Structures are given as C-alpha cells and as structure tokens.
C-alpha atoms as a PDB file:
ATOM      1  CA  MET A   1      27.457  -5.786  30.311  1.00  0.00           C
ATOM      2  CA  LEU A   2      25.812  -4.701  33.557  1.00  0.00           C
ATOM      3  CA  ASP A   3      25.817  -1.116  34.782  1.00  0.00           C
ATOM      4  CA  LYS A   4      25.969  -0.190  38.467  1.00  0.00           C
ATOM      5  CA  TYR A   5      22.167  -0.231  38.674  1.00  0.00           C
ATOM      6  CA  ASN A   6      22.118  -3.844  37.421  1.00  0.00           C
ATOM      7  CA  ARG A   7      20.708  -2.939  34.020  1.00  0.00           C
ATOM      8  CA  LYS A   8      21.891  -5.256  31.264  1.00  0.00           C
ATOM      9  CA  ILE A   9      23.238  -3.139  28.402  1.00  0.00           C
ATOM     10  CA  THR A  10      22.406  -4.869  25.125  1.00  0.00           C
ATOM     11  CA  TYR A  11      21.458  -2.053  22.721  1.00  0.00           C
ATOM     12  CA  LEU A  12      23.682   0.315  20.728  1.00  0.00           C
ATOM     13  CA  ARG A  13      22.298   3.148  18.627  1.00  0.00           C
ATOM     14  CA  ILE A  14      24.783   4.285  15.986  1.00  0.00           C
ATOM     15  CA  SER A  15      24.494   7.737  14.422  1.00  0.00           C
ATOM     16  CA  VAL A  16      26.263   7.651  11.055  1.00  0.00           C
ATOM     17  CA  THR A  17      25.749  11.322  10.166  1.00  0.00           C
ATOM     18  CA  ASP A  18      24.541  14.589  11.656  1.00  0.00           C
ATOM     19  CA  ARG A  19      23.140  15.630   8.287  1.00  0.00           C
ATOM     20  CA  CYS A  20      19.471  15.463   7.361  1.00  0.00           C
ATOM     21  CA  ASN A  21      17.336  16.259   4.317  1.00  0.00           C
ATOM     22  CA  PHE A  22      14.514  17.541   6.566  1.00  0.00           C
ATOM     23  CA  ARG A  23      14.365  20.598   8.803  1.00  0.00           C
ATOM     24  CA  CYS A  24      11.660  19.427  11.221  1.00  0.00           C
ATOM     25  CA  THR A  25      10.441  22.197  13.484  1.00  0.00           C
ATOM     26  CA  TYR A  26      10.890  20.164  16.682  1.00  0.00           C
ATOM     27  CA  CYS A  27      14.416  19.063  15.757  1.00  0.00           C
ATOM     28  CA  MET A  28      16.279  22.043  14.316  1.00  0.00           C
ATOM     29  CA  PRO A  29      15.909  25.682  13.218  1.00  0.00           C
ATOM     30  CA  ALA A  30      14.922  26.529   9.640  1.00  0.00           C
ATOM     31  CA  GLU A  31      18.485  27.483   8.717  1.00  0.00           C
ATOM     32  CA  GLY A  32      19.773  24.146  10.000  1.00  0.00           C
ATOM     33  CA  VAL A  33      22.536  23.667  12.559  1.00  0.00           C
ATOM     34  CA  LYS A  34      26.316  23.815  12.516  1.00  0.00           C
ATOM     35  CA  LEU A  35      27.517  20.563  10.987  1.00  0.00           C
ATOM     36  CA  MET A  36      30.491  18.484  12.002  1.00  0.00           C
ATOM     37  CA  LYS A  37      33.599  18.521   9.850  1.00  0.00           C
ATOM     38  CA  HIS A  38      33.833  15.578   7.460  1.00  0.00           C
ATOM     39  CA  ASP A  39      37.210  14.608   8.930  1.00  0.00           C
ATOM     40  CA  ASP A  40      35.604  14.265  12.363  1.00  0.00           C
ATOM     41  CA  ILE A  41      32.971  11.789  11.193  1.00  0.00           C
ATOM     42  CA  LEU A  42      33.739   8.120  11.823  1.00  0.00           C
ATOM     43  CA  SER A  43      34.592   6.047   8.772  1.00  0.00           C
ATOM     44  CA  PHE A  44      32.506   2.976   8.033  1.00  0.00           C
ATOM     45  CA  ASP A  45      35.413   0.733   8.988  1.00  0.00           C
ATOM     46  CA  GLU A  46      35.699   2.496  12.351  1.00  0.00           C
ATOM     47  CA  ILE A  47      31.969   2.026  12.929  1.00  0.00           C
ATOM     48  CA  VAL A  48      32.188  -1.674  12.073  1.00  0.00           C
ATOM     49  CA  ASP A  49      35.089  -2.121  14.510  1.00  0.00           C
ATOM     50  CA  ILE A  50      33.056  -0.450  17.269  1.00  0.00           C
ATOM     51  CA  ALA A  51      29.991  -2.555  16.478  1.00  0.00           C
ATOM     52  CA  GLU A  52      32.039  -5.763  16.539  1.00  0.00           C
ATOM     53  CA  GLN A  53      33.560  -4.862  19.898  1.00  0.00           C
ATOM     54  CA  ALA A  54      30.177  -3.946  21.324  1.00  0.00           C
ATOM     55  CA  VAL A  55      28.624  -7.235  20.228  1.00  0.00           C
ATOM     56  CA  SER A  56      31.561  -9.170  21.659  1.00  0.00           C
ATOM     57  CA  MET A  57      30.823  -7.458  24.999  1.00  0.00           C
ATOM     58  CA  GLY A  58      27.119  -8.310  25.029  1.00  0.00           C
ATOM     59  CA  VAL A  59      25.281  -5.919  22.714  1.00  0.00           C
ATOM     60  CA  ARG A  60      22.610  -7.823  20.807  1.00  0.00           C
ATOM     61  CA  LYS A  61      20.665  -4.995  19.167  1.00  0.00           C
ATOM     62  CA  ILE A  62      21.989  -2.266  16.880  1.00  0.00           C
ATOM     63  CA  ARG A  63      20.019   0.558  15.302  1.00  0.00           C
ATOM     64  CA  ILE A  64      21.435   2.873  12.641  1.00  0.00           C
ATOM     65  CA  THR A  65      20.345   6.500  13.001  1.00  0.00           C
ATOM     66  CA  GLY A  66      21.395  10.009  11.952  1.00  0.00           C
ATOM     67  CA  GLY A  67      20.524  12.787  11.189  1.00  0.00           C
ATOM     68  CA  GLU A  68      19.040  10.889   8.299  1.00  0.00           C
ATOM     69  CA  PRO A  69      21.201   7.791   7.774  1.00  0.00           C
ATOM     70  CA  LEU A  70      20.224   7.270   4.141  1.00  0.00           C
ATOM     71  CA  VAL A  71      21.890  10.535   3.100  1.00  0.00           C
ATOM     72  CA  ARG A  72      25.293   9.065   3.975  1.00  0.00           C
ATOM     73  CA  ARG A  73      26.972   7.879   0.794  1.00  0.00           C
ATOM     74  CA  GLY A  74      27.756   4.163   0.733  1.00  0.00           C
ATOM     75  CA  ILE A  75      25.382   3.272   3.573  1.00  0.00           C
ATOM     76  CA  ILE A  76      24.648  -0.159   2.046  1.00  0.00           C
ATOM     77  CA  TYR A  77      28.300  -1.137   2.516  1.00  0.00           C
ATOM     78  CA  LEU A  78      28.006  -0.420   6.243  1.00  0.00           C
ATOM     79  CA  ILE A  79      24.750  -2.357   6.557  1.00  0.00           C
ATOM     80  CA  GLU A  80      26.333  -5.380   4.879  1.00  0.00           C
ATOM     81  CA  LYS A  81      29.324  -5.326   7.222  1.00  0.00           C
ATOM     82  CA  ILE A  82      27.329  -4.950  10.441  1.00  0.00           C
ATOM     83  CA  ALA A  83      24.740  -7.539   9.390  1.00  0.00           C
ATOM     84  CA  LYS A  84      27.498 -10.165   9.252  1.00  0.00           C
ATOM     85  CA  ILE A  85      28.605  -9.683  12.864  1.00  0.00           C
ATOM     86  CA  LYS A  86      28.103 -12.949  14.740  1.00  0.00           C
ATOM     87  CA  GLY A  87      25.962 -12.553  17.836  1.00  0.00           C
ATOM     88  CA  LEU A  88      23.902  -9.627  16.540  1.00  0.00           C
ATOM     89  CA  GLU A  89      20.225 -10.533  16.893  1.00  0.00           C
ATOM     90  CA  ASP A  90      18.288  -7.349  16.080  1.00  0.00           C
ATOM     91  CA  PHE A  91      19.418  -4.914  13.384  1.00  0.00           C
ATOM     92  CA  GLY A  92      17.310  -1.888  12.497  1.00  0.00           C
ATOM     93  CA  LEU A  93      17.428   1.583  11.005  1.00  0.00           C
ATOM     94  CA  THR A  94      15.476   4.745  11.751  1.00  0.00           C
ATOM     95  CA  THR A  95      14.648   6.969   8.779  1.00  0.00           C
ATOM     96  CA  ASN A  96      12.346   9.780   7.733  1.00  0.00           C
ATOM     97  CA  GLY A  97      11.415   7.548   4.794  1.00  0.00           C
ATOM     98  CA  VAL A  98      11.959  10.017   1.956  1.00  0.00           C
ATOM     99  CA  LEU A  99      14.749   8.021   0.310  1.00  0.00           C
ATOM    100  CA  LEU A 100      13.460   4.618   1.362  1.00  0.00           C
ATOM    101  CA  SER A 101      11.721   3.805  -1.911  1.00  0.00           C
ATOM    102  CA  GLY A 102      15.140   3.622  -3.550  1.00  0.00           C
ATOM    103  CA  TYR A 103      16.853   1.864  -0.653  1.00  0.00           C
ATOM    104  CA  ALA A 104      14.436  -0.598   0.963  1.00  0.00           C
ATOM    105  CA  GLU A 105      15.202  -3.599  -1.260  1.00  0.00           C
ATOM    106  CA  LYS A 106      18.951  -2.938  -1.106  1.00  0.00           C
ATOM    107  CA  LEU A 107      18.832  -2.626   2.683  1.00  0.00           C
ATOM    108  CA  ALA A 108      16.957  -5.900   3.023  1.00  0.00           C
ATOM    109  CA  LYS A 109      19.374  -7.728   0.733  1.00  0.00           C
ATOM    110  CA  ALA A 110      22.298  -6.276   2.693  1.00  0.00           C
ATOM    111  CA  GLY A 111      20.936  -7.884   5.861  1.00  0.00           C
ATOM    112  CA  LEU A 112      18.942  -5.163   7.630  1.00  0.00           C
ATOM    113  CA  HIS A 113      16.097  -6.675   9.656  1.00  0.00           C
ATOM    114  CA  ARG A 114      13.635  -3.810  10.016  1.00  0.00           C
ATOM    115  CA  VAL A 115      12.973  -0.077   9.910  1.00  0.00           C
ATOM    116  CA  ASN A 116      11.396   2.665  11.984  1.00  0.00           C
ATOM    117  CA  ILE A 117       9.876   5.453   9.886  1.00  0.00           C
ATOM    118  CA  SER A 118       8.925   8.920  11.096  1.00  0.00           C
ATOM    119  CA  LEU A 119       5.370  10.017  10.271  1.00  0.00           C
ATOM    120  CA  ASP A 120       3.632  12.724  12.299  1.00  0.00           C
ATOM    121  CA  THR A 121       0.719  13.645  10.026  1.00  0.00           C
ATOM    122  CA  LEU A 122      -1.112  12.450   6.912  1.00  0.00           C
ATOM    123  CA  ASN A 123      -1.997  15.983   5.856  1.00  0.00           C
ATOM    124  CA  PRO A 124       0.347  16.986   2.985  1.00  0.00           C
ATOM    125  CA  GLU A 125       0.262  20.689   3.859  1.00  0.00           C
ATOM    126  CA  LYS A 126       0.930  20.078   7.555  1.00  0.00           C
ATOM    127  CA  PHE A 127       3.680  17.634   6.638  1.00  0.00           C
ATOM    128  CA  ARG A 128       5.370  20.222   4.449  1.00  0.00           C
ATOM    129  CA  LYS A 129       5.070  22.858   7.165  1.00  0.00           C
ATOM    130  CA  LEU A 130       6.390  20.515   9.854  1.00  0.00           C
ATOM    131  CA  THR A 131       9.388  19.262   7.871  1.00  0.00           C
ATOM    132  CA  ARG A 132       9.849  22.558   5.974  1.00  0.00           C
ATOM    133  CA  VAL A 133      11.066  20.689   2.884  1.00  0.00           C
ATOM    134  CA  GLY A 134       9.513  17.201   2.773  1.00  0.00           C
ATOM    135  CA  LYS A 135       6.779  15.673   0.638  1.00  0.00           C
ATOM    136  CA  LEU A 136       4.359  13.283   2.304  1.00  0.00           C
ATOM    137  CA  GLU A 137       3.978  11.216  -0.867  1.00  0.00           C
ATOM    138  CA  ASP A 138       7.695  10.343  -0.767  1.00  0.00           C
ATOM    139  CA  VAL A 139       7.372   8.919   2.744  1.00  0.00           C
ATOM    140  CA  LEU A 140       4.280   6.921   1.806  1.00  0.00           C
ATOM    141  CA  LYS A 141       6.177   5.455  -1.157  1.00  0.00           C
ATOM    142  CA  GLY A 142       9.003   4.598   1.230  1.00  0.00           C
ATOM    143  CA  ILE A 143       6.622   2.767   3.541  1.00  0.00           C
ATOM    144  CA  GLU A 144       5.260   0.721   0.643  1.00  0.00           C
ATOM    145  CA  ALA A 145       8.805  -0.109  -0.454  1.00  0.00           C
ATOM    146  CA  ALA A 146       9.662  -1.259   3.077  1.00  0.00           C
ATOM    147  CA  LYS A 147       6.599  -3.508   3.102  1.00  0.00           C
ATOM    148  CA  LYS A 148       7.540  -4.970  -0.270  1.00  0.00           C
ATOM    149  CA  ALA A 149      11.085  -5.598   0.969  1.00  0.00           C
ATOM    150  CA  LYS A 150       9.654  -7.269   4.100  1.00  0.00           C
ATOM    151  CA  LEU A 151      11.565  -5.104   6.549  1.00  0.00           C
ATOM    152  CA  PHE A 152       9.199  -6.220   9.308  1.00  0.00           C
ATOM    153  CA  PRO A 153       8.071  -5.184  11.777  1.00  0.00           C
ATOM    154  CA  ILE A 154       7.782  -1.688  10.342  1.00  0.00           C
ATOM    155  CA  LYS A 155       7.368   0.769  13.190  1.00  0.00           C
ATOM    156  CA  ILE A 156       6.025   4.270  12.704  1.00  0.00           C
ATOM    157  CA  ASN A 157       7.412   6.976  14.981  1.00  0.00           C
ATOM    158  CA  CYS A 158       4.700   9.581  15.512  1.00  0.00           C
ATOM    159  CA  VAL A 159       5.703  12.701  17.428  1.00  0.00           C
ATOM    160  CA  ILE A 160       2.908  14.205  19.533  1.00  0.00           C
ATOM    161  CA  LYS A 161       2.527  17.408  21.532  1.00  0.00           C
ATOM    162  CA  GLU A 162       0.625  16.054  24.516  1.00  0.00           C
ATOM    163  CA  ASN A 163      -1.170  12.757  23.837  1.00  0.00           C
ATOM    164  CA  GLN A 164      -2.151  10.190  21.232  1.00  0.00           C
ATOM    165  CA  ASN A 165      -5.675  11.559  20.889  1.00  0.00           C
ATOM    166  CA  GLU A 166      -4.493  14.539  18.863  1.00  0.00           C
ATOM    167  CA  ALA A 167      -6.139  14.669  15.420  1.00  0.00           C
ATOM    168  CA  ASP A 168      -3.001  13.957  13.407  1.00  0.00           C
ATOM    169  CA  ALA A 169      -1.940  11.119  15.700  1.00  0.00           C
ATOM    170  CA  VAL A 170      -5.379   9.510  15.402  1.00  0.00           C
ATOM    171  CA  GLU A 171      -5.171   9.597  11.611  1.00  0.00           C
ATOM    172  CA  VAL A 172      -1.672   8.130  11.626  1.00  0.00           C
ATOM    173  CA  ALA A 173      -2.891   5.350  13.954  1.00  0.00           C
ATOM    174  CA  LYS A 174      -5.738   4.499  11.554  1.00  0.00           C
ATOM    175  CA  PHE A 175      -3.259   4.401   8.693  1.00  0.00           C
ATOM    176  CA  CYS A 176      -1.004   2.060  10.662  1.00  0.00           C
ATOM    177  CA  LYS A 177      -3.830  -0.302  11.521  1.00  0.00           C
ATOM    178  CA  LYS A 178      -4.946  -0.424   7.884  1.00  0.00           C
ATOM    179  CA  ASN A 179      -1.410  -1.153   6.682  1.00  0.00           C
ATOM    180  CA  SER A 180      -0.283  -3.566   9.436  1.00  0.00           C
ATOM    181  CA  LEU A 181       2.262  -1.118  10.833  1.00  0.00           C
ATOM    182  CA  LYS A 182       3.186  -0.686  14.489  1.00  0.00           C
ATOM    183  CA  ILE A 183       2.844   2.830  15.875  1.00  0.00           C
ATOM    184  CA  ARG A 184       5.016   4.421  18.578  1.00  0.00           C
ATOM    185  CA  TYR A 185       3.969   7.759  20.070  1.00  0.00           C
ATOM    186  CA  ILE A 186       6.889   9.984  20.996  1.00  0.00           C
ATOM    187  CA  ARG A 187       6.073  13.117  22.933  1.00  0.00           C
ATOM    188  CA  GLU A 188       8.187  16.140  22.047  1.00  0.00           C
ATOM    189  CA  MET A 189      11.318  16.336  24.200  1.00  0.00           C
ATOM    190  CA  ASP A 190      13.684  19.119  25.196  1.00  0.00           C
ATOM    191  CA  LEU A 191      17.311  18.174  25.791  1.00  0.00           C
ATOM    192  CA  GLU A 192      18.255  21.447  27.475  1.00  0.00           C
ATOM    193  CA  LYS A 193      15.305  21.459  29.856  1.00  0.00           C
ATOM    194  CA  GLY A 194      15.485  17.730  30.508  1.00  0.00           C
ATOM    195  CA  THR A 195      11.853  17.080  29.625  1.00  0.00           C
ATOM    196  CA  PHE A 196      11.116  13.602  28.333  1.00  0.00           C
ATOM    197  CA  TRP A 197       8.437  10.942  28.619  1.00  0.00           C
ATOM    198  CA  ARG A 198       8.168   7.227  28.056  1.00  0.00           C
ATOM    199  CA  VAL A 199       7.513   6.240  24.459  1.00  0.00           C
ATOM    200  CA  LYS A 200       4.039   4.758  24.084  1.00  0.00           C
ATOM    201  CA  GLY A 201       4.329   1.540  22.126  1.00  0.00           C
ATOM    202  CA  GLY A 202       8.000   1.170  23.062  1.00  0.00           C
ATOM    203  CA  ASP A 203      10.286   1.260  26.088  1.00  0.00           C
ATOM    204  CA  GLY A 204      12.260   4.409  25.308  1.00  0.00           C
ATOM    205  CA  GLY A 205      12.252   7.021  28.066  1.00  0.00           C
ATOM    206  CA  GLU A 206      11.908   4.477  30.881  1.00  0.00           C
ATOM    207  CA  CYS A 207      15.139   5.041  32.778  1.00  0.00           C
ATOM    208  CA  SER A 208      14.773   2.106  35.169  1.00  0.00           C
ATOM    209  CA  ILE A 209      15.008  -0.412  32.328  1.00  0.00           C
ATOM    210  CA  CYS A 210      17.189   1.521  29.879  1.00  0.00           C
ATOM    211  CA  ASN A 211      19.541  -0.902  28.137  1.00  0.00           C
ATOM    212  CA  ARG A 212      21.131   1.380  25.548  1.00  0.00           C
ATOM    213  CA  LEU A 213      24.259   3.263  24.660  1.00  0.00           C
ATOM    214  CA  ARG A 214      24.653   5.759  21.835  1.00  0.00           C
ATOM    215  CA  LEU A 215      27.513   6.297  19.429  1.00  0.00           C
ATOM    216  CA  THR A 216      27.637   9.758  17.860  1.00  0.00           C
ATOM    217  CA  SER A 217      28.818  10.172  14.300  1.00  0.00           C
ATOM    218  CA  ASN A 218      32.090  11.702  15.506  1.00  0.00           C
ATOM    219  CA  GLY A 219      32.967   8.795  17.772  1.00  0.00           C
ATOM    220  CA  LYS A 220      31.616   9.578  21.228  1.00  0.00           C
ATOM    221  CA  ILE A 221      29.939   6.843  23.264  1.00  0.00           C
ATOM    222  CA  ARG A 222      27.126   8.407  25.253  1.00  0.00           C
ATOM    223  CA  PRO A 223      25.438   6.429  28.059  1.00  0.00           C
ATOM    224  CA  CYS A 224      22.272   8.538  28.125  1.00  0.00           C
ATOM    225  CA  LEU A 225      20.421  10.864  25.763  1.00  0.00           C
ATOM    226  CA  PHE A 226      19.724  13.279  28.606  1.00  0.00           C
ATOM    227  CA  SER A 227      23.264  13.426  29.953  1.00  0.00           C
ATOM    228  CA  GLU A 228      26.421  15.269  28.906  1.00  0.00           C
ATOM    229  CA  LEU A 229      28.683  12.292  29.632  1.00  0.00           C
ATOM    230  CA  GLU A 230      30.618  11.040  26.612  1.00  0.00           C
ATOM    231  CA  TYR A 231      33.655   8.858  25.955  1.00  0.00           C
ATOM    232  CA  ASP A 232      35.778   9.260  22.836  1.00  0.00           C
ATOM    233  CA  VAL A 233      36.563   5.951  21.109  1.00  0.00           C
ATOM    234  CA  ARG A 234      39.476   7.476  19.224  1.00  0.00           C
ATOM    235  CA  LYS A 235      41.164   8.776  22.355  1.00  0.00           C
ATOM    236  CA  LEU A 236      40.312   5.992  24.783  1.00  0.00           C
ATOM    237  CA  GLY A 237      40.035   3.008  22.480  1.00  0.00           C
ATOM    238  CA  VAL A 238      36.746   1.261  21.767  1.00  0.00           C
ATOM    239  CA  LYS A 239      36.665  -1.195  24.667  1.00  0.00           C
ATOM    240  CA  LYS A 240      37.621   1.372  27.298  1.00  0.00           C
ATOM    241  CA  ALA A 241      35.113   3.919  25.963  1.00  0.00           C
ATOM    242  CA  LEU A 242      32.352   1.310  26.094  1.00  0.00           C
ATOM    243  CA  MET A 243      33.294   0.223  29.614  1.00  0.00           C
ATOM    244  CA  PHE A 244      33.396   3.822  30.870  1.00  0.00           C
ATOM    245  CA  ALA A 245      29.993   4.502  29.327  1.00  0.00           C
ATOM    246  CA  VAL A 246      28.464   1.423  30.939  1.00  0.00           C
ATOM    247  CA  GLY A 247      30.168   2.028  34.290  1.00  0.00           C
ATOM    248  CA  ASN A 248      29.038   5.657  34.450  1.00  0.00           C
ATOM    249  CA  LYS A 249      25.566   5.304  32.969  1.00  0.00           C
ATOM    250  CA  PRO A 250      23.352   7.525  35.154  1.00  0.00           C
ATOM    251  CA  LYS A 251      20.367   6.174  37.029  1.00  0.00           C
ATOM    252  CA  ALA A 252      18.113   8.607  35.169  1.00  0.00           C
ATOM    253  CA  GLY A 253      18.350  11.321  32.555  1.00  0.00           C
ATOM    254  CA  THR A 254      18.767  14.968  33.502  1.00  0.00           C
ATOM    255  CA  VAL A 255      19.759  17.531  30.851  1.00  0.00           C
ATOM    256  CA  ASN A 256      21.965  17.755  27.774  1.00  0.00           C
ATOM    257  CA  LYS A 257      23.042  21.220  26.642  1.00  0.00           C
ATOM    258  CA  LEU A 258      25.923  20.042  24.488  1.00  0.00           C
ATOM    259  CA  LEU A 259      24.214  18.365  21.555  1.00  0.00           C
ATOM    260  CA  ASN A 260      21.148  18.518  19.329  1.00  0.00           C
ATOM    261  CA  PHE A 261      18.978  15.570  18.294  1.00  0.00           C
ATOM    262  CA  ASN A 262      20.639  15.506  14.867  1.00  0.00           C
ATOM    263  CA  ASP A 263      24.008  14.944  16.564  1.00  0.00           C
ATOM    264  CA  ILE A 264      23.005  12.108  18.847  1.00  0.00           C
ATOM    265  CA  GLY A 265      20.428  10.201  16.840  1.00  0.00           C
ATOM    266  CA  GLY A 266      17.385  10.713  19.063  1.00  0.00           C
END
C-alpha cells in the first residue's frame, strides 16, 4: 500500500485495550481516564480479521499495544491466531513488563517474535512515583523472563524529558548494555499541543518515512498518532477503512485532541 506521498505502508499497531495497570504521570492522571465500554471493544476474532486483511494488502509488521495488552484476558489466543497469518514477517508486543514474568514463555510459544518493554528509571522509589502503582522488581523479572523465552531483540523504551544524558536515562542505558538489550529514547510528547520528536534508536516520529497505521481497541483505523482522522472498521468494512486511512494519511503530524495515549497505543 502506497500513500499519496509515496510512503509504503507496511506496519500496523493494534491496541487491544485502553486499560492499564499503571498510572504513569506522563500518560494519564492519577484517577485514571474514562474507559471505553466493553461492548465497544473489538473482539479477538474481529482483530484477527482486520490483521489478516491488512497483511493481504501489504502490511508485514504488526505490534500489539494497549493500554497494557497483557491485562486483556485471553491475550495468548489472539497472539496464536495472528502469528499464523501468512505473510506476516515481524510480530511484536509493547508492554510495561509487570506481568511479563508470567507471560513471556507463553507468548513465545504462541508465536510472538519480540517485545518492547517500558523502563524509565532503575531507582525503585522514582519508579513507584512515576508509575504511581508499579514495582520496579516486577519489570526486572519480566525482562529476565523475556530473555529466557528468547523474545529477541528485546527493546527498552525509555521516556526522557529532554535528552538521553539525563541521570535516569544513563543508568537505564548501562543496564541495557550489560544485559544485551536495545534502548530507544522517547521524548515526552503532547498530543493536544502537537509536540513530538523522533525516537532515538528507532524511526518513530519521522514523518517523512512513516509506514504505520494504528487500530484502536474500539475499531478505528488511524493514519497518524498526531491527527484526528479515523475510519471505523465496523461502519465502513475493514478493507475500505484501511484504504481510506492510507489514502488520507497526512504528510506530517499536527495535533490530536480526541484521544489519550492509552486509547491509541502510543
């Protein structure tokens, strides 16, 4: 699939839930956010149908996101189904890592290729303050489980304020080097203000080469994180929603005042 700026669209990020077991300060308020109704959330079979259609149209990479995807009951069933889609070459999942110690081996056996794990600090007190509810030791156990399950390459998503020389980011980088993990620095973004930067260690945030679409957990195909354009797969049908999203993908991101990061999967 080519958009009107000749970018080849090969990547679909699928949010399977807007729910999360963290309350990270840069993602949502302490009291949480208004959640979608359960009836509005796509079923696993609907998600598989969308993934199959997307791959048949040229998508080669799929990443499962949330919220926190591992809080969705029955997630292994979905991983198994998507992993079997012919033509899919790269299949990953982004997680905060807290539940990964109990899921890593199951995910690998189900056919998941690799994981991205969020880790912004190695200081337990700062970690607790940042996530409001999380325990650093749980994430570290999750990372070890991912290594044991060989979900390689394991990428660490480290959110920074300004640059990678910040004290916490430096410590996370040392940890990654010691443990053969790949680090990606993600500067804090603001959907409403339209402030975003290129991901260091990845290609996210580089509009000129953006090759991705996003599927929200309630069935909207979104061509850009920083855009309010969306196409409902239930109303339009999967193929038409995908084609509209590709055909109307903006040249560059602007603002998005409709959704939060937990809705759209980052």
